[in-house]
Amino acid sequence: MNRFHAGLLETAAGPGIGAIADLADLMLKARDAGLSEDEKFRFSELFNWATQNTPFVNLYYVRPALDFLFMNSLREVLSPGAYRREEHRRRQQFNQQRWTPKPLDPFGGFR
């Protein structure tokens, strides 16, 4: 395992193979969740994988706009309470608070 928790294959083969291996792990996790009640699968994990592997999404001038206009609302729908948990973690770990308005409510208007 390397510092990013990737195995020997992902480290040796590069980031493309690593991303495919991560997707395969997510699919196996979803399959296991369908077969067993003990396993949990969250669609937010798949959303995070897709966000990390979409070209041009992480550009410094694109990501803040996407987060504010679209992705924060989608995260809140996929994992209720995500905004509140993020704010709490930001206050606890970094003693920071948001200086922009709260993200848009997925069903219209501000929260």
PDB file of N, CA and C in Angstrom:
ATOM      1  N   MET A   1       0.842  -1.185   0.000  1.00  0.00           N
ATOM      2  CA  MET A   1       0.000   0.000   0.000  1.00  0.00           C
ATOM      3  C   MET A   1       0.880   1.239   0.000  1.00  0.00           C
ATOM      4  N   ASN A   2       0.514   2.202  -0.829  1.00  0.00           N
ATOM      5  CA  ASN A   2       1.238   3.463  -0.799  1.00  0.00           C
ATOM      6  C   ASN A   2       0.477   4.452   0.079  1.00  0.00           C
ATOM      7  N   ARG A   3       0.902   5.695   0.114  1.00  0.00           N
ATOM      8  CA  ARG A   3       0.263   6.664   1.019  1.00  0.00           C
ATOM      9  C   ARG A   3      -1.161   7.026   0.611  1.00  0.00           C
ATOM     10  N   PHE A   4      -1.564   6.691  -0.614  1.00  0.00           N
ATOM     11  CA  PHE A   4      -2.934   6.949  -1.073  1.00  0.00           C
ATOM     12  C   PHE A   4      -3.804   5.716  -0.945  1.00  0.00           C
ATOM     13  N   HIS A   5      -3.324   4.698  -0.261  1.00  0.00           N
ATOM     14  CA  HIS A   5      -4.026   3.441  -0.031  1.00  0.00           C
ATOM     15  C   HIS A   5      -4.253   2.656  -1.321  1.00  0.00           C
ATOM     16  N   ALA A   6      -3.357   2.818  -2.271  1.00  0.00           N
ATOM     17  CA  ALA A   6      -3.429   2.048  -3.508  1.00  0.00           C
ATOM     18  C   ALA A   6      -2.473   0.867  -3.403  1.00  0.00           C
ATOM     19  N   GLY A   7      -2.827  -0.201  -4.051  1.00  0.00           N
ATOM     20  CA  GLY A   7      -2.004  -1.395  -4.019  1.00  0.00           C
ATOM     21  C   GLY A   7      -0.857  -1.316  -5.010  1.00  0.00           C
ATOM     22  N   LEU A   8      -0.120  -2.400  -5.111  1.00  0.00           N
ATOM     23  CA  LEU A   8       1.052  -2.455  -5.976  1.00  0.00           C
ATOM     24  C   LEU A   8       0.671  -2.273  -7.442  1.00  0.00           C
ATOM     25  N   LEU A   9      -0.425  -2.889  -7.887  1.00  0.00           N
ATOM     26  CA  LEU A   9      -0.851  -2.779  -9.287  1.00  0.00           C
ATOM     27  C   LEU A   9      -1.163  -1.328  -9.651  1.00  0.00           C
ATOM     28  N   GLU A  10      -1.938  -0.655  -8.824  1.00  0.00           N
ATOM     29  CA  GLU A  10      -2.308   0.726  -9.123  1.00  0.00           C
ATOM     30  C   GLU A  10      -1.091   1.642  -9.108  1.00  0.00           C
ATOM     31  N   THR A  11      -0.173   1.396  -8.187  1.00  0.00           N
ATOM     32  CA  THR A  11       1.027   2.232  -8.095  1.00  0.00           C
ATOM     33  C   THR A  11       1.916   2.034  -9.315  1.00  0.00           C
ATOM     34  N   ALA A  12       2.105   0.795  -9.738  1.00  0.00           N
ATOM     35  CA  ALA A  12       2.978   0.503 -10.869  1.00  0.00           C
ATOM     36  C   ALA A  12       2.342   0.895 -12.210  1.00  0.00           C
ATOM     37  N   ALA A  13       1.044   0.722 -12.346  1.00  0.00           N
ATOM     38  CA  ALA A  13       0.378   0.945 -13.632  1.00  0.00           C
ATOM     39  C   ALA A  13       0.048   2.408 -13.892  1.00  0.00           C
ATOM     40  N   GLY A  14      -0.141   3.212 -12.849  1.00  0.00           N
ATOM     41  CA  GLY A  14      -0.420   4.619 -13.043  1.00  0.00           C
ATOM     42  C   GLY A  14      -1.838   4.998 -12.680  1.00  0.00           C
ATOM     43  N   PRO A  15      -2.146   6.284 -12.827  1.00  0.00           N
ATOM     44  CA  PRO A  15      -3.446   6.775 -12.354  1.00  0.00           C
ATOM     45  C   PRO A  15      -4.645   6.271 -13.157  1.00  0.00           C
ATOM     46  N   GLY A  16      -4.480   6.003 -14.437  1.00  0.00           N
ATOM     47  CA  GLY A  16      -5.604   5.513 -15.238  1.00  0.00           C
ATOM     48  C   GLY A  16      -6.085   4.157 -14.777  1.00  0.00           C
ATOM     49  N   ILE A  17      -5.148   3.258 -14.569  1.00  0.00           N
ATOM     50  CA  ILE A  17      -5.490   1.914 -14.083  1.00  0.00           C
ATOM     51  C   ILE A  17      -6.009   2.006 -12.651  1.00  0.00           C
ATOM     52  N   GLY A  18      -5.440   2.913 -11.869  1.00  0.00           N
ATOM     53  CA  GLY A  18      -5.907   3.104 -10.492  1.00  0.00           C
ATOM     54  C   GLY A  18      -7.352   3.554 -10.446  1.00  0.00           C
ATOM     55  N   ALA A  19      -7.745   4.456 -11.357  1.00  0.00           N
ATOM     56  CA  ALA A  19      -9.131   4.925 -11.402  1.00  0.00           C
ATOM     57  C   ALA A  19     -10.077   3.799 -11.807  1.00  0.00           C
ATOM     58  N   ILE A  20      -9.637   2.974 -12.743  1.00  0.00           N
ATOM     59  CA  ILE A  20     -10.461   1.829 -13.160  1.00  0.00           C
ATOM     60  C   ILE A  20     -10.591   0.830 -12.018  1.00  0.00           C
ATOM     61  N   ALA A  21      -9.505   0.628 -11.286  1.00  0.00           N
ATOM     62  CA  ALA A  21      -9.552  -0.287 -10.134  1.00  0.00           C
ATOM     63  C   ALA A  21     -10.490   0.262  -9.050  1.00  0.00           C
ATOM     64  N   ASP A  22     -10.469   1.581  -8.839  1.00  0.00           N
ATOM     65  CA  ASP A  22     -11.388   2.184  -7.863  1.00  0.00           C
ATOM     66  C   ASP A  22     -12.842   1.989  -8.284  1.00  0.00           C
ATOM     67  N   LEU A  23     -13.125   2.161  -9.581  1.00  0.00           N
ATOM     68  CA  LEU A  23     -14.482   1.949 -10.080  1.00  0.00           C
ATOM     69  C   LEU A  23     -14.900   0.489  -9.906  1.00  0.00           C
ATOM     70  N   ALA A  24     -13.992  -0.420 -10.176  1.00  0.00           N
ATOM     71  CA  ALA A  24     -14.295  -1.840  -9.991  1.00  0.00           C
ATOM     72  C   ALA A  24     -14.596  -2.131  -8.521  1.00  0.00           C
ATOM     73  N   ASP A  25     -13.825  -1.523  -7.617  1.00  0.00           N
ATOM     74  CA  ASP A  25     -14.091  -1.698  -6.182  1.00  0.00           C
ATOM     75  C   ASP A  25     -15.475  -1.178  -5.810  1.00  0.00           C
ATOM     76  N   LEU A  26     -15.864  -0.035  -6.374  1.00  0.00           N
ATOM     77  CA  LEU A  26     -17.196   0.513  -6.095  1.00  0.00           C
ATOM     78  C   LEU A  26     -18.296  -0.405  -6.615  1.00  0.00           C
ATOM     79  N   MET A  27     -18.085  -0.965  -7.809  1.00  0.00           N
ATOM     80  CA  MET A  27     -19.090  -1.869  -8.371  1.00  0.00           C
ATOM     81  C   MET A  27     -19.208  -3.144  -7.522  1.00  0.00           C
ATOM     82  N   LEU A  28     -18.075  -3.670  -7.061  1.00  0.00           N
ATOM     83  CA  LEU A  28     -18.120  -4.853  -6.204  1.00  0.00           C
ATOM     84  C   LEU A  28     -18.793  -4.529  -4.870  1.00  0.00           C
ATOM     85  N   LYS A  29     -18.553  -3.340  -4.356  1.00  0.00           N
ATOM     86  CA  LYS A  29     -19.198  -2.925  -3.110  1.00  0.00           C
ATOM     87  C   LYS A  29     -20.713  -2.820  -3.297  1.00  0.00           C
ATOM     88  N   ALA A  30     -21.146  -2.290  -4.454  1.00  0.00           N
ATOM     89  CA  ALA A  30     -22.575  -2.198  -4.745  1.00  0.00           C
ATOM     90  C   ALA A  30     -23.188  -3.587  -4.883  1.00  0.00           C
ATOM     91  N   ARG A  31     -22.473  -4.485  -5.529  1.00  0.00           N
ATOM     92  CA  ARG A  31     -22.955  -5.857  -5.668  1.00  0.00           C
ATOM     93  C   ARG A  31     -23.098  -6.528  -4.309  1.00  0.00           C
ATOM     94  N   ASP A  32     -22.087  -6.355  -3.466  1.00  0.00           N
ATOM     95  CA  ASP A  32     -22.133  -6.957  -2.131  1.00  0.00           C
ATOM     96  C   ASP A  32     -23.270  -6.377  -1.297  1.00  0.00           C
ATOM     97  N   ALA A  33     -23.545  -5.095  -1.478  1.00  0.00           N
ATOM     98  CA  ALA A  33     -24.642  -4.470  -0.740  1.00  0.00           C
ATOM     99  C   ALA A  33     -25.983  -5.049  -1.186  1.00  0.00           C
ATOM    100  N   GLY A  34     -26.076  -5.425  -2.457  1.00  0.00           N
ATOM    101  CA  GLY A  34     -27.306  -6.047  -2.941  1.00  0.00           C
ATOM    102  C   GLY A  34     -27.485  -7.473  -2.455  1.00  0.00           C
ATOM    103  N   LEU A  35     -26.375  -8.135  -2.162  1.00  0.00           N
ATOM    104  CA  LEU A  35     -26.438  -9.525  -1.729  1.00  0.00           C
ATOM    105  C   LEU A  35     -26.552  -9.679  -0.218  1.00  0.00           C
ATOM    106  N   SER A  36     -26.047  -8.713   0.523  1.00  0.00           N
ATOM    107  CA  SER A  36     -26.009  -8.833   1.975  1.00  0.00           C
ATOM    108  C   SER A  36     -26.558  -7.571   2.622  1.00  0.00           C
ATOM    109  N   GLU A  37     -27.313  -7.749   3.691  1.00  0.00           N
ATOM    110  CA  GLU A  37     -27.858  -6.588   4.395  1.00  0.00           C
ATOM    111  C   GLU A  37     -26.807  -5.897   5.253  1.00  0.00           C
ATOM    112  N   ASP A  38     -25.692  -6.579   5.525  1.00  0.00           N
ATOM    113  CA  ASP A  38     -24.641  -6.007   6.356  1.00  0.00           C
ATOM    114  C   ASP A  38     -23.810  -4.966   5.608  1.00  0.00           C
ATOM    115  N   GLU A  39     -23.690  -5.100   4.288  1.00  0.00           N
ATOM    116  CA  GLU A  39     -22.886  -4.175   3.490  1.00  0.00           C
ATOM    117  C   GLU A  39     -23.683  -2.911   3.192  1.00  0.00           C
ATOM    118  N   LYS A  40     -22.990  -1.788   3.140  1.00  0.00           N
ATOM    119  CA  LYS A  40     -23.618  -0.498   2.826  1.00  0.00           C
ATOM    120  C   LYS A  40     -22.958   0.075   1.584  1.00  0.00           C
ATOM    121  N   PHE A  41     -23.755   0.663   0.700  1.00  0.00           N
ATOM    122  CA  PHE A  41     -23.236   1.354  -0.478  1.00  0.00           C
ATOM    123  C   PHE A  41     -23.920   2.703  -0.552  1.00  0.00           C
ATOM    124  N   ARG A  42     -23.122   3.741  -0.673  1.00  0.00           N
ATOM    125  CA  ARG A  42     -23.666   5.095  -0.778  1.00  0.00           C
ATOM    126  C   ARG A  42     -23.412   5.621  -2.185  1.00  0.00           C
ATOM    127  N   PHE A  43     -24.435   6.195  -2.779  1.00  0.00           N
ATOM    128  CA  PHE A  43     -24.272   6.771  -4.106  1.00  0.00           C
ATOM    129  C   PHE A  43     -23.330   7.966  -4.073  1.00  0.00           C
ATOM    130  N   SER A  44     -23.157   8.564  -2.908  1.00  0.00           N
ATOM    131  CA  SER A  44     -22.222   9.682  -2.808  1.00  0.00           C
ATOM    132  C   SER A  44     -20.793   9.221  -3.109  1.00  0.00           C
ATOM    133  N   GLU A  45     -20.452   7.970  -2.818  1.00  0.00           N
ATOM    134  CA  GLU A  45     -19.128   7.446  -3.144  1.00  0.00           C
ATOM    135  C   GLU A  45     -18.936   7.383  -4.661  1.00  0.00           C
ATOM    136  N   LEU A  46     -19.960   6.947  -5.374  1.00  0.00           N
ATOM    137  CA  LEU A  46     -19.896   6.904  -6.828  1.00  0.00           C
ATOM    138  C   LEU A  46     -19.843   8.319  -7.402  1.00  0.00           C
ATOM    139  N   PHE A  47     -20.597   9.241  -6.814  1.00  0.00           N
ATOM    140  CA  PHE A  47     -20.572  10.642  -7.242  1.00  0.00           C
ATOM    141  C   PHE A  47     -19.180  11.233  -7.046  1.00  0.00           C
ATOM    142  N   ASN A  48     -18.545  10.957  -5.911  1.00  0.00           N
ATOM    143  CA  ASN A  48     -17.193  11.459  -5.665  1.00  0.00           C
ATOM    144  C   ASN A  48     -16.198  10.885  -6.666  1.00  0.00           C
ATOM    145  N   TRP A  49     -16.335   9.595  -6.989  1.00  0.00           N
ATOM    146  CA  TRP A  49     -15.447   8.994  -7.983  1.00  0.00           C
ATOM    147  C   TRP A  49     -15.633   9.676  -9.334  1.00  0.00           C
ATOM    148  N   ALA A  50     -16.876   9.878  -9.735  1.00  0.00           N
ATOM    149  CA  ALA A  50     -17.144  10.515 -11.029  1.00  0.00           C
ATOM    150  C   ALA A  50     -16.608  11.946 -11.053  1.00  0.00           C
ATOM    151  N   THR A  51     -16.747  12.665  -9.955  1.00  0.00           N
ATOM    152  CA  THR A  51     -16.246  14.038  -9.891  1.00  0.00           C
ATOM    153  C   THR A  51     -14.728  14.065  -9.997  1.00  0.00           C
ATOM    154  N   GLN A  52     -14.061  13.163  -9.325  1.00  0.00           N
ATOM    155  CA  GLN A  52     -12.598  13.133  -9.340  1.00  0.00           C
ATOM    156  C   GLN A  52     -12.042  12.729 -10.702  1.00  0.00           C
ATOM    157  N   ASN A  53     -12.826  12.040 -11.522  1.00  0.00           N
ATOM    158  CA  ASN A  53     -12.329  11.532 -12.790  1.00  0.00           C
ATOM    159  C   ASN A  53     -12.942  12.203 -14.012  1.00  0.00           C
ATOM    160  N   THR A  54     -13.650  13.303 -13.832  1.00  0.00           N
ATOM    161  CA  THR A  54     -14.214  14.052 -14.952  1.00  0.00           C
ATOM    162  C   THR A  54     -13.207  15.112 -15.384  1.00  0.00           C
ATOM    163  N   PRO A  55     -12.875  15.166 -16.669  1.00  0.00           N
ATOM    164  CA  PRO A  55     -11.891  16.156 -17.120  1.00  0.00           C
ATOM    165  C   PRO A  55     -12.360  17.590 -16.886  1.00  0.00           C
ATOM    166  N   PHE A  56     -11.437  18.445 -16.516  1.00  0.00           N
ATOM    167  CA  PHE A  56     -11.601  19.891 -16.357  1.00  0.00           C
ATOM    168  C   PHE A  56     -12.480  20.306 -15.179  1.00  0.00           C
ATOM    169  N   VAL A  57     -12.976  19.385 -14.373  1.00  0.00           N
ATOM    170  CA  VAL A  57     -13.828  19.746 -13.239  1.00  0.00           C
ATOM    171  C   VAL A  57     -13.014  20.374 -12.115  1.00  0.00           C
ATOM    172  N   ASN A  58     -11.776  19.961 -11.968  1.00  0.00           N
ATOM    173  CA  ASN A  58     -10.969  20.446 -10.853  1.00  0.00           C
ATOM    174  C   ASN A  58     -10.131  21.676 -11.186  1.00  0.00           C
ATOM    175  N   LEU A  59     -10.411  22.348 -12.283  1.00  0.00           N
ATOM    176  CA  LEU A  59      -9.715  23.602 -12.573  1.00  0.00           C
ATOM    177  C   LEU A  59     -10.096  24.639 -11.527  1.00  0.00           C
ATOM    178  N   TYR A  60      -9.134  25.454 -11.124  1.00  0.00           N
ATOM    179  CA  TYR A  60      -9.352  26.376 -10.006  1.00  0.00           C
ATOM    180  C   TYR A  60     -10.466  27.378 -10.258  1.00  0.00           C
ATOM    181  N   TYR A  61     -10.792  27.680 -11.494  1.00  0.00           N
ATOM    182  CA  TYR A  61     -11.856  28.632 -11.789  1.00  0.00           C
ATOM    183  C   TYR A  61     -13.185  27.952 -12.097  1.00  0.00           C
ATOM    184  N   VAL A  62     -13.204  26.635 -12.261  1.00  0.00           N
ATOM    185  CA  VAL A  62     -14.432  25.902 -12.559  1.00  0.00           C
ATOM    186  C   VAL A  62     -15.033  25.304 -11.292  1.00  0.00           C
ATOM    187  N   ARG A  63     -14.191  24.725 -10.447  1.00  0.00           N
ATOM    188  CA  ARG A  63     -14.689  23.967  -9.299  1.00  0.00           C
ATOM    189  C   ARG A  63     -15.516  24.794  -8.311  1.00  0.00           C
ATOM    190  N   PRO A  64     -15.087  26.001  -7.911  1.00  0.00           N
ATOM    191  CA  PRO A  64     -15.925  26.760  -6.969  1.00  0.00           C
ATOM    192  C   PRO A  64     -17.315  27.076  -7.528  1.00  0.00           C
ATOM    193  N   ALA A  65     -17.387  27.403  -8.805  1.00  0.00           N
ATOM    194  CA  ALA A  65     -18.694  27.706  -9.414  1.00  0.00           C
ATOM    195  C   ALA A  65     -19.564  26.446  -9.450  1.00  0.00           C
ATOM    196  N   LEU A  66     -18.986  25.316  -9.857  1.00  0.00           N
ATOM    197  CA  LEU A  66     -19.759  24.072  -9.880  1.00  0.00           C
ATOM    198  C   LEU A  66     -20.217  23.673  -8.480  1.00  0.00           C
ATOM    199  N   ASP A  67     -19.326  23.823  -7.500  1.00  0.00           N
ATOM    200  CA  ASP A  67     -19.701  23.478  -6.126  1.00  0.00           C
ATOM    201  C   ASP A  67     -20.873  24.319  -5.658  1.00  0.00           C
ATOM    202  N   PHE A  68     -20.803  25.614  -5.864  1.00  0.00           N
ATOM    203  CA  PHE A  68     -21.854  26.510  -5.365  1.00  0.00           C
ATOM    204  C   PHE A  68     -23.167  26.319  -6.108  1.00  0.00           C
ATOM    205  N   LEU A  69     -23.107  26.224  -7.428  1.00  0.00           N
ATOM    206  CA  LEU A  69     -24.333  26.189  -8.229  1.00  0.00           C
ATOM    207  C   LEU A  69     -24.988  24.813  -8.324  1.00  0.00           C
ATOM    208  N   PHE A  70     -24.197  23.755  -8.247  1.00  0.00           N
ATOM    209  CA  PHE A  70     -24.763  22.459  -8.586  1.00  0.00           C
ATOM    210  C   PHE A  70     -24.358  21.334  -7.641  1.00  0.00           C
ATOM    211  N   MET A  71     -23.072  21.167  -7.402  1.00  0.00           N
ATOM    212  CA  MET A  71     -22.598  19.952  -6.752  1.00  0.00           C
ATOM    213  C   MET A  71     -22.927  19.882  -5.261  1.00  0.00           C
ATOM    214  N   ASN A  72     -22.932  21.010  -4.551  1.00  0.00           N
ATOM    215  CA  ASN A  72     -23.308  20.962  -3.136  1.00  0.00           C
ATOM    216  C   ASN A  72     -24.753  20.507  -2.964  1.00  0.00           C
ATOM    217  N   SER A  73     -25.620  20.985  -3.843  1.00  0.00           N
ATOM    218  CA  SER A  73     -27.019  20.560  -3.779  1.00  0.00           C
ATOM    219  C   SER A  73     -27.161  19.076  -4.088  1.00  0.00           C
ATOM    220  N   LEU A  74     -26.418  18.606  -5.068  1.00  0.00           N
ATOM    221  CA  LEU A  74     -26.476  17.191  -5.421  1.00  0.00           C
ATOM    222  C   LEU A  74     -25.919  16.329  -4.295  1.00  0.00           C
ATOM    223  N   ARG A  75     -24.838  16.775  -3.652  1.00  0.00           N
ATOM    224  CA  ARG A  75     -24.308  16.039  -2.504  1.00  0.00           C
ATOM    225  C   ARG A  75     -25.332  15.956  -1.382  1.00  0.00           C
ATOM    226  N   GLU A  76     -26.069  17.043  -1.172  1.00  0.00           N
ATOM    227  CA  GLU A  76     -27.073  17.077  -0.106  1.00  0.00           C
ATOM    228  C   GLU A  76     -28.214  16.100  -0.409  1.00  0.00           C
ATOM    229  N   VAL A  77     -28.571  15.969  -1.670  1.00  0.00           N
ATOM    230  CA  VAL A  77     -29.622  15.020  -2.049  1.00  0.00           C
ATOM    231  C   VAL A  77     -29.119  13.582  -1.880  1.00  0.00           C
ATOM    232  N   LEU A  78     -27.877  13.319  -2.291  1.00  0.00           N
ATOM    233  CA  LEU A  78     -27.327  11.965  -2.208  1.00  0.00           C
ATOM    234  C   LEU A  78     -27.015  11.544  -0.776  1.00  0.00           C
ATOM    235  N   SER A  79     -26.618  12.514   0.053  1.00  0.00           N
ATOM    236  CA  SER A  79     -26.262  12.213   1.437  1.00  0.00           C
ATOM    237  C   SER A  79     -26.810  13.328   2.320  1.00  0.00           C
ATOM    238  N   PRO A  80     -28.055  13.206   2.790  1.00  0.00           N
ATOM    239  CA  PRO A  80     -28.657  14.272   3.593  1.00  0.00           C
ATOM    240  C   PRO A  80     -27.805  14.629   4.805  1.00  0.00           C
ATOM    241  N   GLY A  81     -27.634  15.928   5.022  1.00  0.00           N
ATOM    242  CA  GLY A  81     -26.824  16.420   6.132  1.00  0.00           C
ATOM    243  C   GLY A  81     -25.372  16.638   5.761  1.00  0.00           C
ATOM    244  N   ALA A  82     -25.005  16.464   4.493  1.00  0.00           N
ATOM    245  CA  ALA A  82     -23.606  16.605   4.062  1.00  0.00           C
ATOM    246  C   ALA A  82     -23.109  18.027   4.304  1.00  0.00           C
ATOM    247  N   TYR A  83     -23.934  19.019   4.005  1.00  0.00           N
ATOM    248  CA  TYR A  83     -23.532  20.420   4.193  1.00  0.00           C
ATOM    249  C   TYR A  83     -23.254  20.707   5.664  1.00  0.00           C
ATOM    250  N   ARG A  84     -24.125  20.254   6.526  1.00  0.00           N
ATOM    251  CA  ARG A  84     -23.961  20.488   7.967  1.00  0.00           C
ATOM    252  C   ARG A  84     -22.712  19.786   8.494  1.00  0.00           C
ATOM    253  N   ARG A  85     -22.457  18.555   8.041  1.00  0.00           N
ATOM    254  CA  ARG A  85     -21.259  17.827   8.471  1.00  0.00           C
ATOM    255  C   ARG A  85     -19.988  18.512   7.981  1.00  0.00           C
ATOM    256  N   GLU A  86     -20.023  19.024   6.743  1.00  0.00           N
ATOM    257  CA  GLU A  86     -18.859  19.730   6.203  1.00  0.00           C
ATOM    258  C   GLU A  86     -18.578  21.000   7.006  1.00  0.00           C
ATOM    259  N   GLU A  87     -19.631  21.748   7.318  1.00  0.00           N
ATOM    260  CA  GLU A  87     -19.451  22.968   8.121  1.00  0.00           C
ATOM    261  C   GLU A  87     -18.898  22.642   9.498  1.00  0.00           C
ATOM    262  N   HIS A  88     -19.413  21.611  10.124  1.00  0.00           N
ATOM    263  CA  HIS A  88     -18.948  21.220  11.458  1.00  0.00           C
ATOM    264  C   HIS A  88     -17.479  20.801  11.421  1.00  0.00           C
ATOM    265  N   ARG A  89     -17.112  19.988  10.425  1.00  0.00           N
ATOM    266  CA  ARG A  89     -15.725  19.532  10.290  1.00  0.00           C
ATOM    267  C   ARG A  89     -14.792  20.710  10.029  1.00  0.00           C
ATOM    268  N   ARG A  90     -15.240  21.661   9.212  1.00  0.00           N
ATOM    269  CA  ARG A  90     -14.422  22.841   8.913  1.00  0.00           C
ATOM    270  C   ARG A  90     -14.184  23.675  10.168  1.00  0.00           C
ATOM    271  N   ARG A  91     -15.217  23.808  11.000  1.00  0.00           N
ATOM    272  CA  ARG A  91     -15.048  24.561  12.256  1.00  0.00           C
ATOM    273  C   ARG A  91     -14.132  23.823  13.221  1.00  0.00           C
ATOM    274  N   GLN A  92     -14.299  22.507  13.342  1.00  0.00           N
ATOM    275  CA  GLN A  92     -13.508  21.719  14.283  1.00  0.00           C
ATOM    276  C   GLN A  92     -12.036  21.653  13.886  1.00  0.00           C
ATOM    277  N   GLN A  93     -11.770  21.335  12.626  1.00  0.00           N
ATOM    278  CA  GLN A  93     -10.401  21.088  12.210  1.00  0.00           C
ATOM    279  C   GLN A  93      -9.609  22.352  11.899  1.00  0.00           C
ATOM    280  N   PHE A  94     -10.282  23.349  11.294  1.00  0.00           N
ATOM    281  CA  PHE A  94      -9.547  24.502  10.801  1.00  0.00           C
ATOM    282  C   PHE A  94      -9.983  25.823  11.437  1.00  0.00           C
ATOM    283  N   ASN A  95     -11.021  25.782  12.284  1.00  0.00           N
ATOM    284  CA  ASN A  95     -11.576  26.997  12.880  1.00  0.00           C
ATOM    285  C   ASN A  95     -11.956  28.012  11.794  1.00  0.00           C
ATOM    286  N   GLN A  96     -12.628  27.541  10.749  1.00  0.00           N
ATOM    287  CA  GLN A  96     -13.041  28.375   9.620  1.00  0.00           C
ATOM    288  C   GLN A  96     -14.554  28.313   9.475  1.00  0.00           C
ATOM    289  N   GLN A  97     -15.089  29.345   8.839  1.00  0.00           N
ATOM    290  CA  GLN A  97     -16.508  29.335   8.492  1.00  0.00           C
ATOM    291  C   GLN A  97     -16.668  29.869   7.077  1.00  0.00           C
ATOM    292  N   ARG A  98     -17.804  29.570   6.484  1.00  0.00           N
ATOM    293  CA  ARG A  98     -18.083  29.960   5.105  1.00  0.00           C
ATOM    294  C   ARG A  98     -18.326  31.462   5.028  1.00  0.00           C
ATOM    295  N   TRP A  99     -17.750  32.122   4.030  1.00  0.00           N
ATOM    296  CA  TRP A  99     -17.990  33.543   3.849  1.00  0.00           C
ATOM    297  C   TRP A  99     -18.907  33.823   2.661  1.00  0.00           C
ATOM    298  N   THR A 100     -19.248  32.784   1.910  1.00  0.00           N
ATOM    299  CA  THR A 100     -20.221  32.930   0.838  1.00  0.00           C
ATOM    300  C   THR A 100     -21.586  32.522   1.366  1.00  0.00           C
ATOM    301  N   PRO A 101     -22.649  32.870   0.668  1.00  0.00           N
ATOM    302  CA  PRO A 101     -23.979  32.415   1.104  1.00  0.00           C
ATOM    303  C   PRO A 101     -24.056  30.895   1.101  1.00  0.00           C
ATOM    304  N   LYS A 102     -25.018  30.385   1.834  1.00  0.00           N
ATOM    305  CA  LYS A 102     -25.221  28.934   1.870  1.00  0.00           C
ATOM    306  C   LYS A 102     -25.557  28.428   0.475  1.00  0.00           C
ATOM    307  N   PRO A 103     -25.252  27.171   0.169  1.00  0.00           N
ATOM    308  CA  PRO A 103     -25.550  26.636  -1.151  1.00  0.00           C
ATOM    309  C   PRO A 103     -27.052  26.608  -1.419  1.00  0.00           C
ATOM    310  N   LEU A 104     -27.373  26.559  -2.689  1.00  0.00           N
ATOM    311  CA  LEU A 104     -28.782  26.540  -3.083  1.00  0.00           C
ATOM    312  C   LEU A 104     -29.453  25.258  -2.625  1.00  0.00           C
ATOM    313  N   ASP A 105     -30.699  25.384  -2.228  1.00  0.00           N
ATOM    314  CA  ASP A 105     -31.492  24.211  -1.857  1.00  0.00           C
ATOM    315  C   ASP A 105     -31.810  23.462  -3.161  1.00  0.00           C
ATOM    316  N   PRO A 106     -31.658  22.136  -3.195  1.00  0.00           N
ATOM    317  CA  PRO A 106     -31.913  21.405  -4.420  1.00  0.00           C
ATOM    318  C   PRO A 106     -33.342  21.533  -4.928  1.00  0.00           C
ATOM    319  N   PHE A 107     -34.264  21.952  -4.064  1.00  0.00           N
ATOM    320  CA  PHE A 107     -35.646  22.056  -4.483  1.00  0.00           C
ATOM    321  C   PHE A 107     -36.111  23.503  -4.580  1.00  0.00           C
ATOM    322  N   GLY A 108     -35.161  24.425  -4.764  1.00  0.00           N
ATOM    323  CA  GLY A 108     -35.509  25.821  -4.989  1.00  0.00           C
ATOM    324  C   GLY A 108     -35.198  26.717  -3.808  1.00  0.00           C
ATOM    325  N   GLY A 109     -34.568  27.863  -4.096  1.00  0.00           N
ATOM    326  CA  GLY A 109     -34.292  28.848  -3.076  1.00  0.00           C
ATOM    327  C   GLY A 109     -33.085  28.522  -2.218  1.00  0.00           C
ATOM    328  N   PHE A 110     -32.832  29.398  -1.255  1.00  0.00           N
ATOM    329  CA  PHE A 110     -31.735  29.189  -0.324  1.00  0.00           C
ATOM    330  C   PHE A 110     -32.248  28.507   0.924  1.00  0.00           C
ATOM    331  N   ARG A 111     -31.370  27.838   1.640  1.00  0.00           N
ATOM    332  CA  ARG A 111     -31.731  27.198   2.910  1.00  0.00           C
ATOM    333  C   ARG A 111     -31.819  28.227   3.993  1.00  0.00           C
TER     334      ARG A 111
END
